[in-house]
Amino acid sequence: MSELSASQDFKSRELPQWLLAELRSDHAGETGAVWIYRGILAVTSNVELRKFAEHHLTTEEQHLTLVSKQMPEQQISIFIPVWKLAGFLTGAIPAIFGNNSVYATIDAVETFVDRHYQHQIDSLRQEGSFPALRKLLEQCQADELCHRDEARAAVKSRNHALRAWCWLVGYGSAVAVKLARWR
């Protein structure tokens, strides 16, 4: 994570509209991620799950700080209160049902985030622009993949209800990205 703090601050540079929209979606996503872990911590008393959530919360807070530095404050999504509530519920609801539900939820979220970041990384690589930003996104993506893999390894089973919930989480993430890109 220390490498991430060395990233360039792009606020002072003119960013293309497509990239501002992508960064707005990243900011919204990292905001949601912070609130997912806050939701878990608000509900669970399980020591193992609290340790998992506290560790991941720290990483997501760092990501949010870094992404915030990449864009003008007036460009953040107008839906931030919605992303906070949605994130909180995405963490709190599965925490009511226990560790397995939380781990499956995090697996679903991070699987979506991996694809989302990869799309942005590929676009920046193709454009040949903003190499420092691309590197920051690659490092955030690597952290998210570690979160996904840790959660995936902890999932014991996936019943029909949990599969449906995880599908809903993925679908909701896709809708959130579209709304955040828009504004």
Protein backbone atom coordinates (compact mmCIF):
# COMPACT_ATOMS: atom_id res chain seq x y z
CA MET A 1 0.00 0.00 0.00
CA SER A 2 2.91 2.39 0.56
CA GLU A 3 3.55 2.49 -3.19
CA LEU A 4 0.09 3.90 -3.70
CA SER A 5 0.79 7.02 -1.68
CA ALA A 6 3.44 8.00 -4.22
CA SER A 7 0.86 8.39 -6.99
CA GLN A 8 0.49 11.65 -8.84
CA ASP A 9 -2.32 14.03 -7.94
CA PHE A 10 -4.29 14.70 -11.14
CA LYS A 11 -6.68 17.35 -9.81
CA SER A 12 -4.69 20.12 -11.42
CA ARG A 13 -4.57 18.43 -14.82
CA GLU A 14 -7.28 18.53 -17.43
CA LEU A 15 -8.87 15.10 -17.51
CA PRO A 16 -11.03 13.93 -20.42
CA GLN A 17 -14.73 13.56 -19.63
CA TRP A 18 -14.67 9.77 -20.04
CA LEU A 19 -11.89 9.54 -17.45
CA LEU A 20 -13.66 11.87 -15.02
CA ALA A 21 -16.72 9.62 -15.32
CA GLU A 22 -14.59 6.54 -14.62
CA LEU A 23 -12.92 8.19 -11.62
CA ARG A 24 -16.33 9.26 -10.34
CA SER A 25 -17.42 5.61 -10.50
CA ASP A 26 -14.22 4.55 -8.70
CA HIS A 27 -14.81 7.13 -5.97
CA ALA A 28 -18.41 5.94 -5.59
CA GLY A 29 -17.24 2.32 -5.49
CA GLU A 30 -14.57 2.92 -2.88
CA THR A 31 -17.11 4.89 -0.82
CA GLY A 32 -19.49 1.94 -1.04
CA ALA A 33 -16.70 -0.46 -0.08
CA VAL A 34 -15.86 1.53 3.05
CA TRP A 35 -19.51 1.39 4.04
CA ILE A 36 -19.78 -2.34 3.32
CA TYR A 37 -17.19 -3.00 6.00
CA ARG A 38 -18.79 -0.48 8.36
CA GLY A 39 -22.07 -2.35 7.89
CA ILE A 40 -20.41 -5.66 8.73
CA LEU A 41 -18.81 -4.17 11.84
CA ALA A 42 -22.11 -2.64 12.97
CA VAL A 43 -23.81 -6.04 12.96
CA THR A 44 -21.31 -8.76 13.81
CA SER A 45 -19.71 -9.62 17.11
CA ASN A 46 -17.81 -12.55 15.58
CA VAL A 47 -14.11 -12.00 16.29
CA GLU A 48 -12.90 -13.60 13.05
CA LEU A 49 -15.30 -11.59 10.91
CA ARG A 50 -14.53 -8.35 12.75
CA LYS A 51 -10.80 -8.86 12.16
CA PHE A 52 -11.46 -9.54 8.45
CA ALA A 53 -13.67 -6.44 8.13
CA GLU A 54 -11.34 -4.15 10.08
CA HIS A 55 -8.35 -5.16 7.94
CA HIS A 56 -10.24 -4.67 4.68
CA LEU A 57 -11.81 -1.41 5.88
CA THR A 58 -8.34 0.05 6.36
CA THR A 59 -7.40 -0.81 2.77
CA GLU A 60 -10.66 0.57 1.36
CA GLU A 61 -10.25 3.82 3.30
CA GLN A 62 -6.77 4.18 1.78
CA HIS A 63 -8.19 3.53 -1.69
CA LEU A 64 -10.92 6.13 -1.14
CA THR A 65 -8.35 8.72 -0.08
CA LEU A 66 -6.19 7.99 -3.12
CA VAL A 67 -9.06 8.05 -5.61
CA SER A 68 -10.34 11.29 -4.03
CA LYS A 69 -6.99 12.90 -4.82
CA GLN A 70 -7.32 12.09 -8.51
CA MET A 71 -10.34 14.22 -9.28
CA PRO A 72 -11.86 17.61 -8.45
CA GLU A 73 -14.22 17.46 -5.49
CA GLN A 74 -17.06 18.95 -7.53
CA GLN A 75 -16.87 15.89 -9.81
CA ILE A 76 -17.87 13.32 -7.19
CA SER A 77 -21.18 11.54 -7.68
CA ILE A 78 -24.32 13.28 -6.48
CA PHE A 79 -25.48 9.86 -5.28
CA ILE A 80 -22.82 9.52 -2.54
CA PRO A 81 -25.47 9.29 0.23
CA VAL A 82 -27.11 6.44 -1.71
CA TRP A 83 -23.76 4.64 -2.15
CA LYS A 84 -23.11 4.91 1.58
CA LEU A 85 -26.50 3.42 2.45
CA ALA A 86 -26.24 0.73 -0.22
CA GLY A 87 -22.75 -0.18 0.97
CA PHE A 88 -23.83 -0.33 4.60
CA LEU A 89 -26.75 -2.63 3.75
CA THR A 90 -24.55 -4.77 1.48
CA GLY A 91 -22.34 -5.42 4.50
CA ALA A 92 -24.93 -5.50 7.28
CA ILE A 93 -27.49 -7.81 5.67
CA PRO A 94 -25.16 -10.75 5.05
CA ALA A 95 -23.51 -10.19 8.44
CA ILE A 96 -26.88 -10.99 10.03
CA PHE A 97 -26.63 -14.44 8.42
CA GLY A 98 -23.03 -15.08 9.39
CA ASN A 99 -19.50 -15.36 8.11
CA ASN A 100 -20.24 -17.49 5.05
CA SER A 101 -22.74 -14.96 3.71
CA VAL A 102 -20.30 -12.10 4.24
CA TYR A 103 -17.45 -13.91 2.52
CA ALA A 104 -19.65 -14.80 -0.46
CA THR A 105 -20.80 -11.18 -0.68
CA ILE A 106 -17.23 -9.87 -0.65
CA ASP A 107 -16.29 -12.42 -3.31
CA ALA A 108 -19.16 -11.13 -5.49
CA VAL A 109 -18.29 -7.46 -4.94
CA GLU A 110 -14.58 -7.92 -5.60
CA THR A 111 -15.20 -10.05 -8.69
CA PHE A 112 -17.17 -7.13 -10.10
CA VAL A 113 -14.52 -4.60 -9.01
CA ASP A 114 -11.76 -6.63 -10.68
CA ARG A 115 -13.56 -6.46 -14.04
CA HIS A 116 -14.37 -2.77 -13.54
CA TYR A 117 -10.76 -1.82 -12.82
CA GLN A 118 -9.49 -4.04 -15.64
CA HIS A 119 -11.70 -2.20 -18.14
CA GLN A 120 -10.24 1.13 -16.99
CA ILE A 121 -6.67 -0.16 -17.01
CA ASP A 122 -7.13 -1.51 -20.54
CA SER A 123 -8.61 1.80 -21.71
CA LEU A 124 -5.72 3.80 -20.25
CA ARG A 125 -3.19 1.40 -21.73
CA GLN A 126 -4.87 1.66 -25.15
CA GLU A 127 -4.94 5.47 -24.92
CA GLY A 128 -1.30 5.50 -23.84
CA SER A 129 -2.13 8.20 -21.34
CA PHE A 130 -1.93 8.75 -17.58
CA PRO A 131 0.55 5.95 -16.78
CA ALA A 132 0.74 6.94 -13.09
CA LEU A 133 -3.04 6.72 -12.79
CA ARG A 134 -3.02 3.36 -14.55
CA LYS A 135 -0.43 2.13 -12.05
CA LEU A 136 -2.57 3.35 -9.14
CA LEU A 137 -5.58 1.48 -10.54
CA GLU A 138 -3.47 -1.65 -11.04
CA GLN A 139 -2.35 -1.49 -7.41
CA CYS A 140 -5.90 -0.95 -6.16
CA GLN A 141 -7.02 -3.85 -8.35
CA ALA A 142 -4.32 -6.08 -6.84
CA ASP A 143 -5.58 -5.27 -3.33
CA GLU A 144 -9.15 -6.01 -4.37
CA LEU A 145 -8.08 -9.35 -5.85
CA CYS A 146 -6.45 -10.25 -2.53
CA HIS A 147 -9.73 -9.38 -0.78
CA ARG A 148 -11.66 -11.50 -3.28
CA ASP A 149 -9.33 -14.47 -2.96
CA GLU A 150 -9.33 -14.32 0.85
CA ALA A 151 -13.13 -14.18 0.92
CA ARG A 152 -13.54 -16.87 -1.74
CA ALA A 153 -11.28 -19.25 0.18
CA ALA A 154 -13.43 -18.77 3.29
CA VAL A 155 -16.79 -19.51 1.61
CA LYS A 156 -18.01 -22.91 2.83
CA SER A 157 -21.14 -23.27 0.70
CA ARG A 158 -23.49 -21.33 -1.55
CA ASN A 159 -27.16 -22.20 -1.31
CA HIS A 160 -29.74 -20.86 -3.77
CA ALA A 161 -30.58 -17.84 -1.64
CA LEU A 162 -26.92 -16.88 -1.28
CA ARG A 163 -26.35 -17.28 -5.03
CA ALA A 164 -29.35 -15.04 -5.69
CA TRP A 165 -28.05 -12.46 -3.20
CA CYS A 166 -24.62 -12.46 -4.84
CA TRP A 167 -26.21 -12.03 -8.27
CA LEU A 168 -28.15 -9.06 -6.88
CA VAL A 169 -24.94 -7.58 -5.46
CA GLY A 170 -23.23 -7.86 -8.85
CA TYR A 171 -26.23 -6.40 -10.67
CA GLY A 172 -26.51 -3.57 -8.16
CA SER A 173 -22.81 -2.81 -8.59
CA ALA A 174 -23.24 -2.55 -12.36
CA VAL A 175 -26.20 -0.18 -11.99
CA ALA A 176 -24.28 1.91 -9.45
CA VAL A 177 -21.34 2.29 -11.85
CA LYS A 178 -23.64 3.48 -14.63
CA LEU A 179 -25.30 6.03 -12.36
CA ALA A 180 -21.99 7.24 -10.96
CA ARG A 181 -20.52 7.66 -14.45
CA TRP A 182 -23.56 9.73 -15.37
CA ARG A 183 -23.28 11.88 -12.23
